[in-house]
Protein backbone atom coordinates (compact mmCIF):
# COMPACT_ATOMS: atom_id res chain seq x y z
CA MET A 1 -4.34 8.60 -7.46
CA MET A 2 -7.97 7.42 -7.19
CA PRO A 3 -10.41 8.12 -5.09
CA PRO A 4 -11.58 4.94 -2.83
CA ILE A 5 -14.34 3.32 -4.05
CA VAL A 6 -16.53 4.45 -1.30
CA GLN A 7 -16.22 7.10 0.91
CA THR A 8 -18.90 8.40 3.92
CA ARG A 9 -18.35 11.56 5.88
CA GLN A 10 -19.65 12.11 9.34
CA LEU A 11 -22.70 9.77 8.38
CA GLN A 12 -25.75 9.10 10.46
CA LEU A 13 -27.20 5.80 11.01
CA ARG A 14 -30.90 6.29 12.49
CA MET A 15 -33.65 3.65 12.80
CA GLY A 16 -37.30 5.83 14.06
CA ASP A 17 -35.88 7.30 16.95
CA ARG A 18 -32.72 5.34 17.70
CA THR A 19 -28.94 6.39 16.45
CA LEU A 20 -27.83 3.41 15.02
CA CYS A 21 -24.30 4.61 13.84
CA ASP A 22 -23.39 8.66 14.47
CA ARG A 23 -20.63 10.30 12.72
CA LEU A 24 -19.53 7.68 10.39
CA ASP A 25 -15.87 8.54 8.63
CA LEU A 26 -15.37 5.36 6.18
CA SER A 27 -12.98 5.20 3.50
CA VAL A 28 -13.05 1.63 1.20
CA LEU A 29 -10.26 1.37 -1.04
CA ALA A 30 -9.61 -0.79 -4.40
CA GLY A 31 -8.62 -3.97 -3.46
CA GLN A 32 -10.07 -4.33 0.51
CA ARG A 33 -13.04 -6.29 2.15
CA LEU A 34 -14.54 -4.68 4.87
CA ALA A 35 -16.74 -6.79 7.10
CA VAL A 36 -19.64 -5.38 9.66
CA LEU A 37 -19.78 -6.63 13.01
CA GLY A 38 -22.57 -6.50 15.59
CA GLN A 39 -25.46 -7.36 17.44
CA ASN A 40 -28.61 -8.02 15.77
CA GLY A 41 -30.23 -4.49 14.98
CA SER A 42 -26.58 -2.62 15.28
CA GLY A 43 -27.49 -1.33 11.50
CA LYS A 44 -25.37 -3.67 9.39
CA THR A 45 -28.23 -3.88 6.96
CA THR A 46 -28.94 -0.09 7.18
CA LEU A 47 -25.51 0.71 6.56
CA LEU A 48 -25.17 -0.64 2.50
CA HIS A 49 -28.87 -0.21 2.41
CA ALA A 50 -27.86 3.55 2.68
CA LEU A 51 -24.68 2.88 0.30
CA LEU A 52 -27.24 1.69 -2.89
CA LYS A 53 -29.77 4.63 -2.47
CA LEU A 54 -32.47 1.48 -0.62
CA GLY A 55 -32.97 3.68 3.17
CA PRO A 56 -33.52 7.11 4.35
CA VAL A 57 -30.29 8.60 4.51
CA ASP A 58 -28.51 11.92 4.70
CA GLU A 59 -26.90 11.18 0.53
CA SER A 60 -24.60 14.27 0.52
CA ARG A 61 -22.24 12.04 3.07
CA ILE A 62 -21.57 9.71 0.54
CA GLU A 63 -19.13 9.07 -2.22
CA ILE A 64 -19.39 6.26 -4.42
CA GLU A 65 -15.83 6.64 -6.80
CA GLY A 66 -15.50 10.02 -5.44
CA ARG A 67 -19.01 10.72 -6.82
CA LEU A 68 -21.79 12.59 -4.80
CA LEU A 69 -24.60 9.19 -3.98
CA SER A 70 -27.09 12.15 -4.62
CA THR A 71 -25.64 12.84 -8.14
CA TRP A 72 -26.23 8.97 -9.16
CA PRO A 73 -28.74 7.74 -11.60
CA ARG A 74 -30.02 5.04 -10.13
CA ALA A 75 -29.30 2.70 -13.69
CA GLU A 76 -25.60 4.26 -13.10
CA LEU A 77 -25.19 3.16 -9.48
CA ALA A 78 -26.32 0.02 -10.44
CA ARG A 79 -23.48 -0.31 -13.33
CA ARG A 80 -20.44 0.45 -10.24
CA VAL A 81 -22.63 -1.07 -6.26
CA GLY A 82 -23.98 -4.19 -6.38
CA ILE A 83 -25.70 -6.36 -3.54
CA LEU A 84 -26.68 -9.96 -2.29
CA PHE A 85 -29.62 -8.99 -0.27
CA GLN A 86 -30.02 -10.80 3.33
CA ASP A 87 -33.01 -12.71 1.63
CA ASN A 88 -33.72 -13.50 -1.97
CA ARG A 89 -36.88 -13.75 -2.95
CA ASP A 90 -38.61 -15.66 -6.22
CA ASP A 91 -42.17 -13.15 -6.74
CA MET A 92 -42.16 -14.02 -10.35
CA PRO A 93 -41.52 -17.09 -12.69
CA ALA A 94 -38.39 -17.77 -14.41
CA SER A 95 -35.70 -19.85 -14.90
CA VAL A 96 -31.87 -20.28 -13.26
CA TYR A 97 -30.65 -18.63 -16.50
CA GLU A 98 -33.00 -15.96 -16.42
CA THR A 99 -32.59 -15.16 -13.05
CA VAL A 100 -28.45 -15.16 -13.34
CA MET A 101 -29.26 -12.80 -16.82
CA LEU A 102 -30.77 -10.36 -14.91
CA GLY A 103 -27.23 -9.35 -13.37
CA ARG A 104 -26.43 -7.45 -16.80
CA LEU A 105 -29.74 -5.41 -17.16
CA PRO A 106 -27.31 -1.93 -16.02
CA HIS A 107 -25.01 -2.92 -18.63
CA LEU A 108 -27.27 -2.98 -21.40
CA PRO A 109 -27.81 -0.27 -23.36
CA ALA A 110 -31.46 0.63 -23.86
CA TRP A 111 -33.46 -1.53 -26.44
CA ARG A 112 -30.58 -3.37 -27.15
CA TRP A 113 -30.25 -7.28 -26.55
CA GLU A 114 -27.79 -9.17 -24.71
CA ARG A 115 -24.57 -9.46 -26.45
CA PRO A 116 -22.48 -12.34 -26.66
CA GLU A 117 -20.06 -11.58 -23.18
CA ASP A 118 -22.96 -11.13 -21.48
CA TYR A 119 -24.35 -14.45 -21.83
CA ALA A 120 -20.29 -15.47 -21.53
CA LEU A 121 -20.13 -14.36 -17.99
CA ALA A 122 -23.69 -15.57 -17.24
CA ASP A 123 -22.11 -18.87 -18.24
CA GLN A 124 -19.04 -19.04 -16.16
CA ALA A 125 -20.77 -17.47 -12.88
CA LEU A 126 -23.53 -20.10 -13.34
CA LYS A 127 -20.09 -22.81 -13.34
CA THR A 128 -18.56 -21.28 -10.48
CA VAL A 129 -20.75 -21.59 -8.28
CA GLY A 130 -21.72 -25.09 -9.08
CA LEU A 131 -25.24 -24.57 -11.54
CA GLU A 132 -25.18 -24.70 -14.68
CA HIS A 133 -26.97 -28.35 -14.42
CA LEU A 134 -29.60 -26.36 -13.51
CA ALA A 135 -29.90 -23.76 -15.86
CA ARG A 136 -33.60 -24.98 -17.19
CA ARG A 137 -34.66 -25.52 -13.89
CA ASP A 138 -37.55 -22.77 -12.49
CA VAL A 139 -36.21 -21.12 -9.68
CA GLY A 140 -38.76 -21.93 -7.08
CA SER A 141 -38.00 -25.44 -7.40
CA LEU A 142 -34.48 -24.82 -6.32
CA SER A 143 -33.47 -25.09 -2.12
CA GLY A 144 -32.42 -22.55 -0.18
CA GLY A 145 -28.73 -22.70 -0.75
CA GLU A 146 -28.84 -23.26 -3.92
CA ARG A 147 -30.80 -19.49 -4.03
CA GLN A 148 -28.68 -18.04 -2.45
CA ARG A 149 -25.88 -19.22 -4.76
CA LEU A 150 -27.95 -18.81 -8.17
CA ALA A 151 -28.01 -14.84 -5.76
CA ILE A 152 -24.27 -14.83 -5.93
CA ALA A 153 -24.02 -15.55 -9.64
CA SER A 154 -26.29 -13.04 -10.52
CA LEU A 155 -23.92 -10.16 -8.63
CA LEU A 156 -21.02 -12.05 -10.27
CA THR A 157 -22.77 -11.62 -14.00
CA GLN A 158 -23.59 -8.01 -12.66
CA ALA A 159 -19.36 -7.65 -12.10
CA PRO A 160 -20.07 -4.00 -9.88
CA ARG A 161 -17.27 -1.55 -8.98
CA LEU A 162 -18.60 -1.98 -5.02
CA TYR A 163 -20.14 -5.74 -3.70
CA LEU A 164 -22.43 -5.92 -1.20
CA LEU A 165 -23.19 -9.00 0.71
CA ASP A 166 -25.52 -9.35 3.80
CA GLU A 167 -24.99 -12.56 5.36
CA PRO A 168 -23.16 -14.08 2.27
CA SER A 169 -23.33 -17.29 3.85
CA ASN A 170 -27.25 -17.80 4.30
CA HIS A 171 -28.31 -20.78 3.45
CA LEU A 172 -24.50 -22.40 2.48
CA ASP A 173 -23.19 -25.51 4.11
CA ILE A 174 -19.48 -24.31 5.28
CA SER A 175 -18.57 -25.52 2.21
CA PHE A 176 -19.85 -22.92 -0.36
CA GLN A 177 -19.33 -20.58 2.48
CA ILE A 178 -15.99 -20.89 1.82
CA LYS A 179 -15.78 -21.42 -1.75
CA THR A 180 -17.86 -18.29 -2.12
CA LEU A 181 -16.28 -16.25 0.18
CA ALA A 182 -13.74 -16.88 -1.24
CA LEU A 183 -13.75 -16.63 -4.57
CA LEU A 184 -15.52 -12.93 -4.50
CA THR A 185 -12.19 -12.24 -2.53
CA ASP A 186 -10.19 -13.43 -5.44
CA THR A 187 -12.33 -11.21 -7.72
CA VAL A 188 -12.05 -8.26 -5.47
CA LYS A 189 -8.32 -8.35 -6.14
CA ARG A 190 -8.34 -9.38 -9.36
CA ASP A 191 -10.93 -6.65 -10.77
CA ASN A 192 -9.39 -3.56 -8.25
CA SER A 193 -12.98 -3.30 -7.04
CA ALA A 194 -14.03 -3.95 -3.05
CA LEU A 195 -16.13 -5.08 -0.81
CA ILE A 196 -18.48 -4.74 2.25
CA MET A 197 -19.90 -7.46 3.60
CA ALA A 198 -22.18 -7.63 6.88
CA THR A 199 -22.11 -10.81 9.34
CA HIS A 200 -22.71 -12.46 12.25
CA ASP A 201 -19.82 -14.60 11.99
CA ILE A 202 -16.50 -13.39 13.45
CA ASN A 203 -14.23 -16.13 12.11
CA LEU A 204 -15.79 -15.96 8.09
CA ALA A 205 -14.90 -11.88 8.72
CA ALA A 206 -11.87 -12.78 9.90
CA ARG A 207 -10.74 -15.14 7.26
CA PHE A 208 -11.41 -12.93 4.02
CA CYS A 209 -12.09 -9.03 5.30
CA ASP A 210 -9.11 -7.03 6.29
CA HIS A 211 -10.76 -4.59 8.12
CA ILE A 212 -13.59 -4.09 10.52
CA LEU A 213 -16.30 -2.54 10.91
CA LEU A 214 -17.38 -2.79 14.84
CA LEU A 215 -21.39 -1.65 16.08
CA TYR A 216 -21.98 -1.62 19.33
CA GLY A 217 -25.50 -0.36 19.14
CA ASP A 218 -25.68 2.81 21.16
CA GLY A 219 -24.61 4.77 18.18
CA SER A 220 -20.54 3.40 18.36
CA TYR A 221 -18.37 1.91 16.50
CA THR A 222 -14.76 1.30 16.48
CA LEU A 223 -13.54 0.53 12.80
CA GLY A 224 -10.14 -0.21 11.68
CA ALA A 225 -7.20 -3.31 10.75
CA GLN A 226 -8.51 -6.41 11.58
CA ALA A 227 -6.09 -6.86 13.71
CA ASP A 228 -6.85 -3.49 15.80
CA VAL A 229 -10.59 -4.54 16.10
CA LEU A 230 -10.88 -8.30 16.32
CA THR A 231 -10.43 -8.03 20.15
CA ASP A 232 -11.63 -10.38 23.18
CA GLU A 233 -13.03 -6.79 25.02
CA LYS A 234 -13.96 -4.86 22.37
CA LEU A 235 -15.83 -7.98 20.91
CA SER A 236 -16.98 -8.57 23.80
CA LYS A 237 -18.59 -5.05 24.32
CA ALA A 238 -19.72 -5.81 21.02
CA TYR A 239 -21.72 -8.79 21.34
CA GLY A 240 -22.61 -8.89 25.15
CA CYS A 241 -21.03 -11.59 25.99
CA ASP A 242 -17.75 -12.42 26.78
CA ILE A 243 -15.88 -13.16 23.04
CA ARG A 244 -12.68 -15.57 23.63
CA HIS A 245 -10.22 -16.32 20.33
CA VAL A 246 -7.90 -19.45 20.64
CA SER A 247 -4.51 -18.73 17.88
CA THR A 248 -3.92 -22.08 15.58
CA ASP A 249 -1.48 -22.58 12.40
CA ALA A 250 -4.20 -21.16 10.20
CA GLY A 251 -4.88 -17.67 12.24
CA GLN A 252 -7.86 -16.70 15.33
CA PHE A 253 -10.39 -18.60 16.07
CA TYR A 254 -13.89 -16.44 17.81
CA PHE A 255 -15.68 -18.31 19.82
CA PRO A 256 -18.64 -17.50 22.97
CA ALA A 257 -17.00 -18.68 26.71
CA ALA A 258 -19.89 -18.16 28.32
């Protein structure tokens, strides 16, 4: 039996003197999609960063594909885990195509040029997000939504086993929000990979994720199947306001009642 793609054992997440999440036992299997919900400062981004060695954490309590995080060299980890950051900065001039090709760097042997299959992945990723006609454009000339789509294309080109998404709907219009998350859902199913998405949008989480981690901001949390966690009572506690839902033929939709 294959181990979970990611697993935590009694993990504690802290920020300064605050405990954001205490004794987290998390297991995400191949094909699963987990949404992390909670208010600002509740630990959503901190958790994603911890899984990629981007923040102080006890790495002996995290396993990627059955192997302790502390034993993964960064270059090797980058072939397994990819992240879409909440904000994407373009510190150096580069074209759209050069940027999307950065997703292949972890997979290239030392001192080797890109292979035809690497270019094919990049070409397909740009087509998937609708940016193939901008391949020669400078990244600095893109709009916020186009930069977000480019970051998603680079992540698809990287093709990790674990996708970490920090507010993936940032800067995207409604159409691209749905298309992007539908694409990533299909990718996870097809490739037997996994996805963890930190988001403020309860309705996107309900539509595209089968499991939910709800962070209350005081160290406590609720983790489980979507139907068990996305209740009015639990969401209201987590967000500090009255959350209600309505049931429709398309599923359940959540909204603040006051």
